[in-house]
Amino acid sequence: MRDSIVFHRLVGSLRVGAPLALLLVLASCTSTSPRFRSGEDPDAADEVRNAGTIKNEVMREDDKKVDVPRVRKKLEQKHVGPVVDDTSPGLNRDRLLLDVISYLGAPYKYGGTSRKGIDCSGFTSHVYSTGADVALPRSTREQYRVGKKVGRDQLRFGDLVFFNTTGKTPSHVGIYIEDDLFAHASVSDGVTFSSLESAYYKKRFVGARRVAP
C-alpha cells in the first residue's frame, strides 16, 4: 500500500512538469545495476575499451612477431613425458599443451568463456580447469594472488605471466610455454602465441605465478 501511494505521488509530480524527478529515478536504477555480468573479468573490460590503442602499440612495438603456425607445428611434433625439467611441478605438459593448442585462433570476446570467444583470464582459467584440474579465479587480479611468485628467469612451462596493458596492474594474463613464448587471448589477435622479449610485452611484464594442482 505504501509503495502504491509513493508511486502515484511520483506520477502526479511528473504530470505537473517535473522532468528532473524522472531523471533521478532513471539514475537510481542504473546505479544499482551490476557493472559486470557474472563470469566476466572487470580487468578485461579495460582492455576492450583500449583495444584500438593496444592494437596500434602492439603493431608498432612488437619486434618479435611470432610465427604461430610454425610454433604450433613444432610443439605438436615435440613429444615429452608428463613430467619434464622445464614444466611446473605437478603439471602434465602434454595435457595442458593440448588444451592450449585447441584454443589457438579463438577470437577475443570480453566475458567469453568458450572457443567461440574468450578473454585473457577466461582462457587461463579454462585451460587450467580442463588441462590441469585446477580452478583459477575468474579475474586477472585474483589470479595474480594464487600460487607462488616466480622470477622472470625462473619461468617454467605452465606458469602464469602477467602484464600491465591498460595502466592498471595487472590487467592481462597468459600461460608461459617455452623459449620466451607465452599463450594468451590477445585483444587484437585472439588466442595466440607472443614473445616475452617483444618490446611491447617486455616493458609491460609485471610478474609471474606458479600454480600447482
C-alpha atoms as a PDB file:
ATOM      1  CA  MET A   1       0.000   0.000   0.000  1.00  0.00           C
ATOM      2  CA  ARG A   2       2.774   2.431   0.961  1.00  0.00           C
ATOM      3  CA  ASP A   3       4.686   1.739  -2.281  1.00  0.00           C
ATOM      4  CA  SER A   4       1.486   2.328  -4.261  1.00  0.00           C
ATOM      5  CA  ILE A   5       0.959   5.749  -2.630  1.00  0.00           C
ATOM      6  CA  VAL A   6       4.570   6.773  -3.342  1.00  0.00           C
ATOM      7  CA  PHE A   7       4.232   5.661  -6.973  1.00  0.00           C
ATOM      8  CA  HIS A   8       1.028   7.664  -7.541  1.00  0.00           C
ATOM      9  CA  ARG A   9       2.599  10.740  -5.948  1.00  0.00           C
ATOM     10  CA  LEU A  10       5.566  10.397  -8.274  1.00  0.00           C
ATOM     11  CA  VAL A  11       3.284  10.099 -11.313  1.00  0.00           C
ATOM     12  CA  GLY A  12       1.402  13.172 -10.136  1.00  0.00           C
ATOM     13  CA  SER A  13       4.617  15.164  -9.895  1.00  0.00           C
ATOM     14  CA  LEU A  14       5.539  14.166 -13.453  1.00  0.00           C
ATOM     15  CA  ARG A  15       2.122  15.297 -14.713  1.00  0.00           C
ATOM     16  CA  VAL A  16       2.682  18.805 -13.371  1.00  0.00           C
ATOM     17  CA  GLY A  17       6.010  19.041 -15.180  1.00  0.00           C
ATOM     18  CA  ALA A  18       8.900  17.703 -13.145  1.00  0.00           C
ATOM     19  CA  PRO A  19      11.298  16.044 -15.657  1.00  0.00           C
ATOM     20  CA  LEU A  20      14.033  16.132 -13.046  1.00  0.00           C
ATOM     21  CA  ALA A  21      12.168  13.524 -10.993  1.00  0.00           C
ATOM     22  CA  LEU A  22      12.206  11.143 -13.931  1.00  0.00           C
ATOM     23  CA  LEU A  23      15.953  11.629 -14.396  1.00  0.00           C
ATOM     24  CA  LEU A  24      16.557  10.867 -10.736  1.00  0.00           C
ATOM     25  CA  VAL A  25      14.535   7.656 -10.982  1.00  0.00           C
ATOM     26  CA  LEU A  26      16.487   6.504 -14.057  1.00  0.00           C
ATOM     27  CA  ALA A  27      19.801   7.379 -12.403  1.00  0.00           C
ATOM     28  CA  SER A  28      18.943   5.364  -9.312  1.00  0.00           C
ATOM     29  CA  CYS A  29      18.046   2.355 -11.464  1.00  0.00           C
ATOM     30  CA  THR A  30      21.318   2.353 -13.359  1.00  0.00           C
ATOM     31  CA  SER A  31      23.385   2.906 -10.226  1.00  0.00           C
ATOM     32  CA  THR A  32      22.044  -0.282  -8.673  1.00  0.00           C
ATOM     33  CA  SER A  33      22.781  -2.393 -11.767  1.00  0.00           C
ATOM     34  CA  PRO A  34      25.906  -4.569 -11.610  1.00  0.00           C
ATOM     35  CA  ARG A  35      28.791  -3.110 -13.577  1.00  0.00           C
ATOM     36  CA  PHE A  36      29.879  -6.505 -14.896  1.00  0.00           C
ATOM     37  CA  ARG A  37      27.864  -9.553 -15.769  1.00  0.00           C
ATOM     38  CA  SER A  38      28.540 -12.814 -13.967  1.00  0.00           C
ATOM     39  CA  GLY A  39      31.577 -14.640 -15.333  1.00  0.00           C
ATOM     40  CA  GLU A  40      33.286 -11.532 -16.724  1.00  0.00           C
ATOM     41  CA  ASP A  41      36.664 -10.147 -15.783  1.00  0.00           C
ATOM     42  CA  PRO A  42      36.481  -6.413 -14.932  1.00  0.00           C
ATOM     43  CA  ASP A  43      40.132  -6.065 -15.948  1.00  0.00           C
ATOM     44  CA  ALA A  44      39.241  -7.347 -19.414  1.00  0.00           C
ATOM     45  CA  ALA A  45      36.719  -4.532 -19.771  1.00  0.00           C
ATOM     46  CA  ASP A  46      39.593  -2.034 -19.702  1.00  0.00           C
ATOM     47  CA  GLU A  47      41.317  -3.966 -22.464  1.00  0.00           C
ATOM     48  CA  VAL A  48      38.178  -3.769 -24.609  1.00  0.00           C
ATOM     49  CA  ARG A  49      37.899  -0.021 -24.039  1.00  0.00           C
ATOM     50  CA  ASN A  50      41.555   0.390 -25.008  1.00  0.00           C
ATOM     51  CA  ALA A  51      41.528  -2.191 -27.814  1.00  0.00           C
ATOM     52  CA  GLY A  52      42.405   0.318 -30.541  1.00  0.00           C
ATOM     53  CA  THR A  53      45.334   1.762 -28.619  1.00  0.00           C
ATOM     54  CA  ILE A  54      46.611  -1.669 -27.600  1.00  0.00           C
ATOM     55  CA  LYS A  55      46.463  -2.959 -31.175  1.00  0.00           C
ATOM     56  CA  ASN A  56      48.357   0.056 -32.511  1.00  0.00           C
ATOM     57  CA  GLU A  57      51.019  -0.244 -29.813  1.00  0.00           C
ATOM     58  CA  VAL A  58      51.491  -3.968 -30.431  1.00  0.00           C
ATOM     59  CA  MET A  59      51.824  -3.428 -34.181  1.00  0.00           C
ATOM     60  CA  ARG A  60      54.324  -0.627 -33.660  1.00  0.00           C
ATOM     61  CA  GLU A  61      56.415  -2.193 -30.912  1.00  0.00           C
ATOM     62  CA  ASP A  62      56.158  -5.960 -31.407  1.00  0.00           C
ATOM     63  CA  ASP A  63      59.593  -6.537 -32.924  1.00  0.00           C
ATOM     64  CA  LYS A  64      59.412 -10.244 -32.041  1.00  0.00           C
ATOM     65  CA  LYS A  65      56.365 -11.258 -34.039  1.00  0.00           C
ATOM     66  CA  VAL A  66      55.716 -14.979 -33.587  1.00  0.00           C
ATOM     67  CA  ASP A  67      55.052 -17.358 -36.481  1.00  0.00           C
ATOM     68  CA  VAL A  68      52.146 -19.094 -34.776  1.00  0.00           C
ATOM     69  CA  PRO A  69      51.625 -21.950 -37.303  1.00  0.00           C
ATOM     70  CA  ARG A  70      55.325 -22.815 -37.162  1.00  0.00           C
ATOM     71  CA  VAL A  71      55.400 -22.779 -33.353  1.00  0.00           C
ATOM     72  CA  ARG A  72      52.235 -24.861 -33.205  1.00  0.00           C
ATOM     73  CA  LYS A  73      53.697 -27.457 -35.552  1.00  0.00           C
ATOM     74  CA  LYS A  74      56.901 -27.601 -33.532  1.00  0.00           C
ATOM     75  CA  LEU A  75      55.020 -28.082 -30.273  1.00  0.00           C
ATOM     76  CA  GLU A  76      52.754 -30.764 -31.721  1.00  0.00           C
ATOM     77  CA  GLN A  77      55.765 -32.718 -33.018  1.00  0.00           C
ATOM     78  CA  LYS A  78      57.737 -32.382 -29.801  1.00  0.00           C
ATOM     79  CA  HIS A  79      56.995 -35.449 -27.693  1.00  0.00           C
ATOM     80  CA  VAL A  80      57.523 -35.074 -23.976  1.00  0.00           C
ATOM     81  CA  GLY A  81      56.504 -37.078 -20.960  1.00  0.00           C
ATOM     82  CA  PRO A  82      54.116 -35.943 -18.230  1.00  0.00           C
ATOM     83  CA  VAL A  83      56.950 -34.519 -16.160  1.00  0.00           C
ATOM     84  CA  VAL A  84      59.981 -32.711 -17.625  1.00  0.00           C
ATOM     85  CA  ASP A  85      62.546 -30.321 -16.221  1.00  0.00           C
ATOM     86  CA  ASP A  86      61.015 -27.181 -17.735  1.00  0.00           C
ATOM     87  CA  THR A  87      57.461 -27.884 -16.543  1.00  0.00           C
ATOM     88  CA  SER A  88      55.969 -26.566 -13.319  1.00  0.00           C
ATOM     89  CA  PRO A  89      55.827 -29.339 -10.690  1.00  0.00           C
ATOM     90  CA  GLY A  90      52.609 -31.321 -10.754  1.00  0.00           C
ATOM     91  CA  LEU A  91      51.540 -30.287 -14.255  1.00  0.00           C
ATOM     92  CA  ASN A  92      51.174 -32.685 -17.173  1.00  0.00           C
ATOM     93  CA  ARG A  93      52.781 -30.799 -20.055  1.00  0.00           C
ATOM     94  CA  ASP A  94      51.154 -32.847 -22.821  1.00  0.00           C
ATOM     95  CA  ARG A  95      47.669 -32.463 -21.385  1.00  0.00           C
ATOM     96  CA  LEU A  96      47.969 -28.737 -20.733  1.00  0.00           C
ATOM     97  CA  LEU A  97      49.630 -28.050 -24.084  1.00  0.00           C
ATOM     98  CA  LEU A  98      46.925 -29.947 -25.958  1.00  0.00           C
ATOM     99  CA  ASP A  99      44.306 -27.711 -24.402  1.00  0.00           C
ATOM    100  CA  VAL A 100      46.281 -24.534 -25.165  1.00  0.00           C
ATOM    101  CA  ILE A 101      46.643 -25.543 -28.821  1.00  0.00           C
ATOM    102  CA  SER A 102      42.939 -26.356 -29.092  1.00  0.00           C
ATOM    103  CA  TYR A 103      42.140 -22.687 -28.331  1.00  0.00           C
ATOM    104  CA  LEU A 104      44.534 -21.183 -30.896  1.00  0.00           C
ATOM    105  CA  GLY A 105      42.674 -18.863 -33.251  1.00  0.00           C
ATOM    106  CA  ALA A 106      39.679 -18.421 -30.958  1.00  0.00           C
ATOM    107  CA  PRO A 107      38.555 -14.773 -31.183  1.00  0.00           C
ATOM    108  CA  TYR A 108      38.802 -12.394 -28.252  1.00  0.00           C
ATOM    109  CA  LYS A 109      35.491 -11.689 -26.560  1.00  0.00           C
ATOM    110  CA  TYR A 110      35.058  -9.769 -23.353  1.00  0.00           C
ATOM    111  CA  GLY A 111      33.410 -12.101 -20.852  1.00  0.00           C
ATOM    112  CA  GLY A 112      33.712 -15.013 -23.284  1.00  0.00           C
ATOM    113  CA  THR A 113      34.371 -18.487 -21.925  1.00  0.00           C
ATOM    114  CA  SER A 114      34.440 -20.728 -24.998  1.00  0.00           C
ATOM    115  CA  ARG A 115      36.302 -21.273 -28.270  1.00  0.00           C
ATOM    116  CA  LYS A 116      33.697 -19.071 -29.962  1.00  0.00           C
ATOM    117  CA  GLY A 117      35.109 -16.138 -27.984  1.00  0.00           C
ATOM    118  CA  ILE A 118      37.159 -15.761 -24.821  1.00  0.00           C
ATOM    119  CA  ASP A 119      39.091 -13.140 -22.854  1.00  0.00           C
ATOM    120  CA  CYS A 120      42.537 -13.481 -21.299  1.00  0.00           C
ATOM    121  CA  SER A 121      41.601 -14.651 -17.800  1.00  0.00           C
ATOM    122  CA  GLY A 122      38.812 -16.790 -19.217  1.00  0.00           C
ATOM    123  CA  PHE A 123      41.425 -18.538 -21.365  1.00  0.00           C
ATOM    124  CA  THR A 124      43.820 -19.216 -18.490  1.00  0.00           C
ATOM    125  CA  SER A 125      41.063 -20.380 -16.151  1.00  0.00           C
ATOM    126  CA  HIS A 126      39.583 -22.750 -18.735  1.00  0.00           C
ATOM    127  CA  VAL A 127      42.943 -24.222 -19.728  1.00  0.00           C
ATOM    128  CA  TYR A 128      43.860 -24.840 -16.092  1.00  0.00           C
ATOM    129  CA  SER A 129      40.429 -26.286 -15.366  1.00  0.00           C
ATOM    130  CA  THR A 130      40.383 -28.771 -18.244  1.00  0.00           C
ATOM    131  CA  GLY A 131      44.121 -29.323 -18.639  1.00  0.00           C
ATOM    132  CA  ALA A 132      45.226 -29.425 -15.009  1.00  0.00           C
ATOM    133  CA  ASP A 133      42.062 -29.826 -12.889  1.00  0.00           C
ATOM    134  CA  VAL A 134      42.830 -26.513 -11.200  1.00  0.00           C
ATOM    135  CA  ALA A 135      40.090 -23.978 -10.504  1.00  0.00           C
ATOM    136  CA  LEU A 136      41.531 -20.493 -11.004  1.00  0.00           C
ATOM    137  CA  PRO A 137      39.668 -17.327 -10.023  1.00  0.00           C
ATOM    138  CA  ARG A 138      37.926 -15.541 -12.915  1.00  0.00           C
ATOM    139  CA  SER A 139      39.693 -12.170 -12.929  1.00  0.00           C
ATOM    140  CA  THR A 140      43.294 -11.300 -13.772  1.00  0.00           C
ATOM    141  CA  ARG A 141      43.859  -9.555 -10.460  1.00  0.00           C
ATOM    142  CA  GLU A 142      42.572 -12.545  -8.497  1.00  0.00           C
ATOM    143  CA  GLN A 143      44.743 -14.939 -10.493  1.00  0.00           C
ATOM    144  CA  TYR A 144      47.721 -12.738  -9.655  1.00  0.00           C
ATOM    145  CA  ARG A 145      47.240 -13.705  -5.993  1.00  0.00           C
ATOM    146  CA  VAL A 146      47.238 -17.505  -6.393  1.00  0.00           C
ATOM    147  CA  GLY A 147      50.218 -19.845  -6.250  1.00  0.00           C
ATOM    148  CA  LYS A 148      53.697 -18.526  -5.569  1.00  0.00           C
ATOM    149  CA  LYS A 149      55.667 -15.734  -7.157  1.00  0.00           C
ATOM    150  CA  VAL A 150      58.444 -16.700  -9.589  1.00  0.00           C
ATOM    151  CA  GLY A 151      61.097 -14.556 -11.222  1.00  0.00           C
ATOM    152  CA  ARG A 152      61.365 -13.827 -14.936  1.00  0.00           C
ATOM    153  CA  ASP A 153      64.473 -16.003 -15.168  1.00  0.00           C
ATOM    154  CA  GLN A 154      62.771 -18.896 -13.334  1.00  0.00           C
ATOM    155  CA  LEU A 155      59.798 -19.396 -15.651  1.00  0.00           C
ATOM    156  CA  ARG A 156      58.656 -22.913 -16.443  1.00  0.00           C
ATOM    157  CA  PHE A 157      56.008 -24.292 -18.747  1.00  0.00           C
ATOM    158  CA  GLY A 158      52.549 -23.623 -17.304  1.00  0.00           C
ATOM    159  CA  ASP A 159      53.442 -20.584 -15.190  1.00  0.00           C
ATOM    160  CA  LEU A 160      51.018 -17.675 -15.366  1.00  0.00           C
ATOM    161  CA  VAL A 161      52.579 -14.460 -16.712  1.00  0.00           C
ATOM    162  CA  PHE A 162      51.052 -11.042 -16.061  1.00  0.00           C
ATOM    163  CA  PHE A 163      51.224  -7.661 -17.785  1.00  0.00           C
ATOM    164  CA  ASN A 164      50.118  -4.065 -17.358  1.00  0.00           C
ATOM    165  CA  THR A 165      48.436  -3.212 -20.670  1.00  0.00           C
ATOM    166  CA  THR A 166      45.916  -0.613 -19.512  1.00  0.00           C
ATOM    167  CA  GLY A 167      47.634   1.356 -16.744  1.00  0.00           C
ATOM    168  CA  LYS A 168      46.331  -0.991 -14.054  1.00  0.00           C
ATOM    169  CA  THR A 169      48.481  -3.743 -12.543  1.00  0.00           C
ATOM    170  CA  PRO A 170      47.929  -6.422 -13.609  1.00  0.00           C
ATOM    171  CA  SER A 171      45.446  -6.231 -16.482  1.00  0.00           C
ATOM    172  CA  HIS A 172      46.465  -9.100 -18.772  1.00  0.00           C
ATOM    173  CA  VAL A 173      47.467 -12.734 -18.206  1.00  0.00           C
ATOM    174  CA  GLY A 174      48.850 -15.606 -20.256  1.00  0.00           C
ATOM    175  CA  ILE A 175      50.462 -19.052 -19.879  1.00  0.00           C
ATOM    176  CA  TYR A 176      54.203 -19.475 -20.321  1.00  0.00           C
ATOM    177  CA  ILE A 177      55.168 -22.129 -22.881  1.00  0.00           C
ATOM    178  CA  GLU A 178      58.905 -22.170 -23.662  1.00  0.00           C
ATOM    179  CA  ASP A 179      61.695 -20.161 -25.335  1.00  0.00           C
ATOM    180  CA  ASP A 180      60.219 -16.875 -24.028  1.00  0.00           C
ATOM    181  CA  LEU A 181      56.863 -17.676 -25.645  1.00  0.00           C
ATOM    182  CA  PHE A 182      53.514 -17.481 -23.891  1.00  0.00           C
ATOM    183  CA  ALA A 183      49.953 -18.273 -24.948  1.00  0.00           C
ATOM    184  CA  HIS A 184      47.194 -15.766 -24.310  1.00  0.00           C
ATOM    185  CA  ALA A 185      43.925 -14.306 -25.557  1.00  0.00           C
ATOM    186  CA  SER A 186      45.018 -11.124 -27.296  1.00  0.00           C
ATOM    187  CA  VAL A 187      42.519  -8.319 -27.818  1.00  0.00           C
ATOM    188  CA  SER A 188      43.739  -7.849 -31.386  1.00  0.00           C
ATOM    189  CA  ASP A 189      44.611 -11.420 -32.453  1.00  0.00           C
ATOM    190  CA  GLY A 190      42.543 -13.733 -30.267  1.00  0.00           C
ATOM    191  CA  VAL A 191      44.259 -16.743 -28.712  1.00  0.00           C
ATOM    192  CA  THR A 192      47.829 -16.758 -29.971  1.00  0.00           C
ATOM    193  CA  PHE A 193      51.495 -17.045 -29.041  1.00  0.00           C
ATOM    194  CA  SER A 194      53.577 -13.962 -28.252  1.00  0.00           C
ATOM    195  CA  SER A 195      57.138 -13.358 -27.120  1.00  0.00           C
ATOM    196  CA  LEU A 196      58.112 -12.037 -23.712  1.00  0.00           C
ATOM    197  CA  GLU A 197      61.083 -10.450 -25.479  1.00  0.00           C
ATOM    198  CA  SER A 198      58.962  -8.277 -27.748  1.00  0.00           C
ATOM    199  CA  ALA A 199      59.291  -4.581 -26.932  1.00  0.00           C
ATOM    200  CA  TYR A 200      55.599  -4.315 -26.093  1.00  0.00           C
ATOM    201  CA  TYR A 201      55.325  -7.200 -23.621  1.00  0.00           C
ATOM    202  CA  LYS A 202      58.830  -6.941 -22.191  1.00  0.00           C
ATOM    203  CA  LYS A 203      58.252  -3.472 -20.759  1.00  0.00           C
ATOM    204  CA  ARG A 204      54.748  -4.358 -19.546  1.00  0.00           C
ATOM    205  CA  PHE A 205      55.662  -7.594 -17.759  1.00  0.00           C
ATOM    206  CA  VAL A 206      54.805  -7.281 -14.059  1.00  0.00           C
ATOM    207  CA  GLY A 207      55.308 -10.786 -12.688  1.00  0.00           C
ATOM    208  CA  ALA A 208      54.565 -14.497 -12.807  1.00  0.00           C
ATOM    209  CA  ARG A 209      52.882 -17.043 -10.565  1.00  0.00           C
ATOM    210  CA  ARG A 210      53.371 -20.803 -10.287  1.00  0.00           C
ATOM    211  CA  VAL A 211      50.174 -22.724  -9.589  1.00  0.00           C
ATOM    212  CA  ALA A 212      50.424 -26.362  -8.607  1.00  0.00           C
ATOM    213  CA  PRO A 213      47.464 -28.756  -8.874  1.00  0.00           C
END
